[in-house]
Amino acid sequence: MDERIIALEERLAYQDKALADLDDVVQGLARQVDQLDRKLSALTEWLRNPGQEVGPPDERPPHY
């Protein structure tokens, strides 16, 4: 009986670790989606108003 409990506890520990790892992945993907959503919104706004400058104005390129 003790061996079965130990085996179940080991499986539970691995499942807890797997869930924690998956949660980290999901959180990272959610951050990426938020970033991409902000970029898409900025791009959409720029396309609606093409006269607006994007980025710093009159900045010299780094190779000068």
N, C-alpha and C. Protein backbone atom coordinates (compact mmCIF):
# COMPACT_ATOMS: atom_id res chain seq x y z
N MET A 1 0.82 -1.19 0.00
CA MET A 1 0.00 0.00 0.00
C MET A 1 0.87 1.26 0.00
N ASP A 2 1.93 1.25 0.80
CA ASP A 2 2.81 2.41 0.86
C ASP A 2 3.46 2.69 -0.49
N GLU A 3 3.81 1.64 -1.23
CA GLU A 3 4.43 1.83 -2.54
C GLU A 3 3.48 2.51 -3.50
N ARG A 4 2.20 2.17 -3.44
CA ARG A 4 1.21 2.79 -4.31
C ARG A 4 1.05 4.27 -3.97
N ILE A 5 1.06 4.59 -2.70
CA ILE A 5 0.93 5.99 -2.28
C ILE A 5 2.15 6.79 -2.74
N ILE A 6 3.32 6.19 -2.58
CA ILE A 6 4.54 6.86 -3.01
C ILE A 6 4.51 7.08 -4.52
N ALA A 7 4.08 6.06 -5.27
CA ALA A 7 4.00 6.19 -6.72
C ALA A 7 3.01 7.28 -7.12
N LEU A 8 1.87 7.35 -6.44
CA LEU A 8 0.89 8.39 -6.73
C LEU A 8 1.43 9.78 -6.38
N GLU A 9 2.15 9.89 -5.29
CA GLU A 9 2.74 11.18 -4.91
C GLU A 9 3.79 11.62 -5.93
N GLU A 10 4.56 10.67 -6.44
CA GLU A 10 5.55 11.00 -7.46
C GLU A 10 4.85 11.50 -8.73
N ARG A 11 3.82 10.80 -9.15
CA ARG A 11 3.07 11.22 -10.35
C ARG A 11 2.46 12.60 -10.15
N LEU A 12 1.93 12.84 -8.96
CA LEU A 12 1.35 14.15 -8.67
C LEU A 12 2.41 15.25 -8.71
N ALA A 13 3.58 14.95 -8.20
CA ALA A 13 4.67 15.94 -8.23
C ALA A 13 5.07 16.26 -9.67
N TYR A 14 5.16 15.26 -10.53
CA TYR A 14 5.49 15.49 -11.94
C TYR A 14 4.38 16.29 -12.64
N GLN A 15 3.14 15.97 -12.31
CA GLN A 15 2.03 16.70 -12.92
C GLN A 15 2.01 18.16 -12.45
N ASP A 16 2.31 18.39 -11.18
CA ASP A 16 2.39 19.76 -10.68
C ASP A 16 3.48 20.54 -11.40
N LYS A 17 4.62 19.89 -11.61
CA LYS A 17 5.73 20.54 -12.32
C LYS A 17 5.34 20.83 -13.76
N ALA A 18 4.69 19.87 -14.41
CA ALA A 18 4.27 20.07 -15.80
C ALA A 18 3.26 21.21 -15.90
N LEU A 19 2.33 21.30 -14.96
CA LEU A 19 1.35 22.38 -14.96
C LEU A 19 2.02 23.73 -14.75
N ALA A 20 3.00 23.78 -13.87
CA ALA A 20 3.73 25.03 -13.63
C ALA A 20 4.48 25.46 -14.89
N ASP A 21 5.11 24.49 -15.56
CA ASP A 21 5.84 24.80 -16.80
C ASP A 21 4.89 25.30 -17.88
N LEU A 22 3.75 24.64 -18.02
CA LEU A 22 2.76 25.06 -19.01
C LEU A 22 2.21 26.44 -18.68
N ASP A 23 2.02 26.72 -17.41
CA ASP A 23 1.54 28.04 -17.01
C ASP A 23 2.54 29.12 -17.40
N ASP A 24 3.83 28.85 -17.22
CA ASP A 24 4.87 29.79 -17.64
C ASP A 24 4.81 30.05 -19.14
N VAL A 25 4.61 29.00 -19.90
CA VAL A 25 4.52 29.13 -21.36
C VAL A 25 3.30 29.97 -21.74
N VAL A 26 2.17 29.68 -21.11
CA VAL A 26 0.94 30.42 -21.42
C VAL A 26 1.10 31.89 -21.07
N GLN A 27 1.71 32.19 -19.95
CA GLN A 27 1.93 33.59 -19.56
C GLN A 27 2.85 34.30 -20.55
N GLY A 28 3.89 33.62 -20.99
CA GLY A 28 4.79 34.20 -21.99
C GLY A 28 4.06 34.47 -23.30
N LEU A 29 3.24 33.53 -23.72
CA LEU A 29 2.48 33.72 -24.95
C LEU A 29 1.46 34.85 -24.80
N ALA A 30 0.87 34.98 -23.63
CA ALA A 30 -0.09 36.07 -23.40
C ALA A 30 0.62 37.42 -23.50
N ARG A 31 1.85 37.51 -22.98
CA ARG A 31 2.62 38.76 -23.10
C ARG A 31 2.92 39.06 -24.57
N GLN A 32 3.28 38.03 -25.32
CA GLN A 32 3.56 38.22 -26.74
C GLN A 32 2.31 38.68 -27.49
N VAL A 33 1.17 38.08 -27.18
CA VAL A 33 -0.08 38.46 -27.83
C VAL A 33 -0.40 39.92 -27.50
N ASP A 34 -0.21 40.33 -26.26
CA ASP A 34 -0.47 41.72 -25.88
C ASP A 34 0.44 42.67 -26.65
N GLN A 35 1.72 42.31 -26.76
CA GLN A 35 2.68 43.12 -27.52
C GLN A 35 2.26 43.24 -28.98
N LEU A 36 1.94 42.12 -29.57
CA LEU A 36 1.53 42.12 -30.98
C LEU A 36 0.23 42.88 -31.19
N ASP A 37 -0.66 42.79 -30.23
CA ASP A 37 -1.93 43.53 -30.32
C ASP A 37 -1.67 45.03 -30.31
N ARG A 38 -0.77 45.49 -29.42
CA ARG A 38 -0.43 46.91 -29.39
C ARG A 38 0.22 47.35 -30.69
N LYS A 39 1.12 46.53 -31.22
CA LYS A 39 1.78 46.87 -32.48
C LYS A 39 0.77 46.91 -33.63
N LEU A 40 -0.14 45.96 -33.65
CA LEU A 40 -1.16 45.93 -34.69
C LEU A 40 -2.06 47.15 -34.60
N SER A 41 -2.42 47.54 -33.40
CA SER A 41 -3.25 48.73 -33.22
C SER A 41 -2.52 49.97 -33.71
N ALA A 42 -1.22 50.09 -33.39
CA ALA A 42 -0.44 51.24 -33.85
C ALA A 42 -0.34 51.24 -35.37
N LEU A 43 -0.11 50.09 -35.96
CA LEU A 43 -0.01 49.99 -37.41
C LEU A 43 -1.34 50.32 -38.08
N THR A 44 -2.43 49.83 -37.51
CA THR A 44 -3.75 50.12 -38.05
C THR A 44 -4.02 51.62 -37.99
N GLU A 45 -3.68 52.24 -36.87
CA GLU A 45 -3.89 53.68 -36.73
C GLU A 45 -3.03 54.44 -37.74
N TRP A 46 -1.80 54.00 -37.94
CA TRP A 46 -0.92 54.65 -38.90
C TRP A 46 -1.47 54.52 -40.33
N LEU A 47 -2.02 53.35 -40.65
CA LEU A 47 -2.58 53.16 -41.98
C LEU A 47 -3.83 54.02 -42.20
N ARG A 48 -4.57 54.28 -41.15
CA ARG A 48 -5.74 55.15 -41.26
C ARG A 48 -5.33 56.61 -41.42
N ASN A 49 -4.19 57.00 -40.86
CA ASN A 49 -3.69 58.37 -40.92
C ASN A 49 -2.25 58.35 -41.42
N PRO A 50 -2.03 58.12 -42.70
CA PRO A 50 -0.66 57.92 -43.21
C PRO A 50 0.24 59.14 -43.11
N GLY A 51 -0.29 60.31 -42.85
CA GLY A 51 0.55 61.50 -42.75
C GLY A 51 1.31 61.59 -41.44
N GLN A 52 0.95 60.79 -40.46
CA GLN A 52 1.61 60.85 -39.15
C GLN A 52 2.97 60.16 -39.21
N GLU A 53 3.93 60.76 -38.54
CA GLU A 53 5.26 60.16 -38.45
C GLU A 53 5.26 59.03 -37.42
N VAL A 54 5.99 58.00 -37.72
CA VAL A 54 6.18 56.91 -36.77
C VAL A 54 7.65 56.88 -36.43
N GLY A 55 7.96 56.92 -35.15
CA GLY A 55 9.35 56.90 -34.72
C GLY A 55 9.86 58.31 -34.49
N PRO A 56 11.11 58.43 -34.08
CA PRO A 56 11.68 59.74 -33.78
C PRO A 56 11.86 60.57 -35.05
N PRO A 57 11.47 61.84 -35.03
CA PRO A 57 11.59 62.68 -36.23
C PRO A 57 13.03 63.14 -36.47
N ASP A 58 13.42 63.17 -37.72
CA ASP A 58 14.71 63.71 -38.16
C ASP A 58 15.90 63.18 -37.36
N GLU A 59 15.88 61.93 -37.05
CA GLU A 59 17.01 61.34 -36.33
C GLU A 59 18.01 60.81 -37.36
N ARG A 60 19.28 61.10 -37.14
CA ARG A 60 20.30 60.63 -38.08
C ARG A 60 20.46 59.12 -37.94
N PRO A 61 20.65 58.42 -39.03
CA PRO A 61 20.87 56.98 -38.96
C PRO A 61 22.16 56.68 -38.20
N PRO A 62 22.23 55.52 -37.55
CA PRO A 62 23.41 55.21 -36.73
C PRO A 62 24.70 55.04 -37.52
N HIS A 63 24.65 54.88 -38.83
CA HIS A 63 25.88 54.68 -39.59
C HIS A 63 26.56 55.98 -39.97
N TYR A 64 26.01 57.15 -39.62
CA TYR A 64 26.66 58.42 -39.90
C TYR A 64 27.59 58.82 -38.81
